Amino acid sequence: MSRFVRPAAAVEYPSGDGQPMAENDWQLMAIINSVSALQYHYRDRPDVYVSGDLFIYYEEGNPRARVAPDVFVAFGVPNHKRLIYKLWEEGVVPAFVMEVASRGTWREDEGRKAKLYERLGVPEYWQYDPTGEYLGLKLKGRRLVEGAYVPQPVVESLDGMLLLRSESLDLDFRVKGEESHFFDPATGERLLSRYDQLAARDAAESRAEAAESRADAAESRAEAAEAELAALRALLDEKRR
């Protein structure tokens, strides 16, 4: 027998499974808008990590023990890009998780994932159903209380808007029709999604270009006026001679 001990094979934790992020445009837009809005909101916080559709591995040595929330936020970890999120290395469970319902995912979101997030100790777990086909109410929230999830109250206004307050994020989430947005309750301002950010950038660039064009036009008028004045002075000088 060899007197050398064969080292244990390194465990591989894949970053993907070949499955698409979303089943339809409603689910895709809800995920992208929510993740980008939260990333932008926490952009100056080096201790807040926001991601979505990223594998979270929760048992060291077991690559099958994984879950990929549509949206999640973790506090107390470095804000940098990751391929995967290992709980035993990060040392922090996400404080907020949201799953966006679709035909192929909502039953798992309602059952297995809810139990898993509860067992992992995720303080806040939400489900959002953009089309309203699967959950009944488009928005559901759960809050961890003494190790078990309890429902969070969803406020519905007379015009049909739904509102849910996140204690973990200190933000509001409002749903009306097919539109959903996070809001800062302290300021009442809507968090900008990726599309909002691009639109604001394009608008700022358009304003800058318009201001530059006005400045160029003003400079041209000034040059023309100066040239005309110089011509008049030359004419007067000639007459005086």
Foldseek 3Di string as FASTA:
>chain_A
DDPDDDDDDDDDQALDDPDDLDDDDLQVVVLQQVQQLVCVVCVVPQFKEKDFQTWEAEDPPDNVRIDTFSIFMWGRFGHDDDSHHYCVVRVTDTQETEHEDDPVPPVCLVPVVQVVCLQVPRQKYKYAYLVCPPPVDRIWIWGADPSHTDTFDWDADPQGKIWGADPSVCWIWIDDRNDIFIANPVVRDTRGGPVSVVVVVVVVVVVVVVVVVVVVVVVVVVVVVVVVVVVVVVVVVVVVD
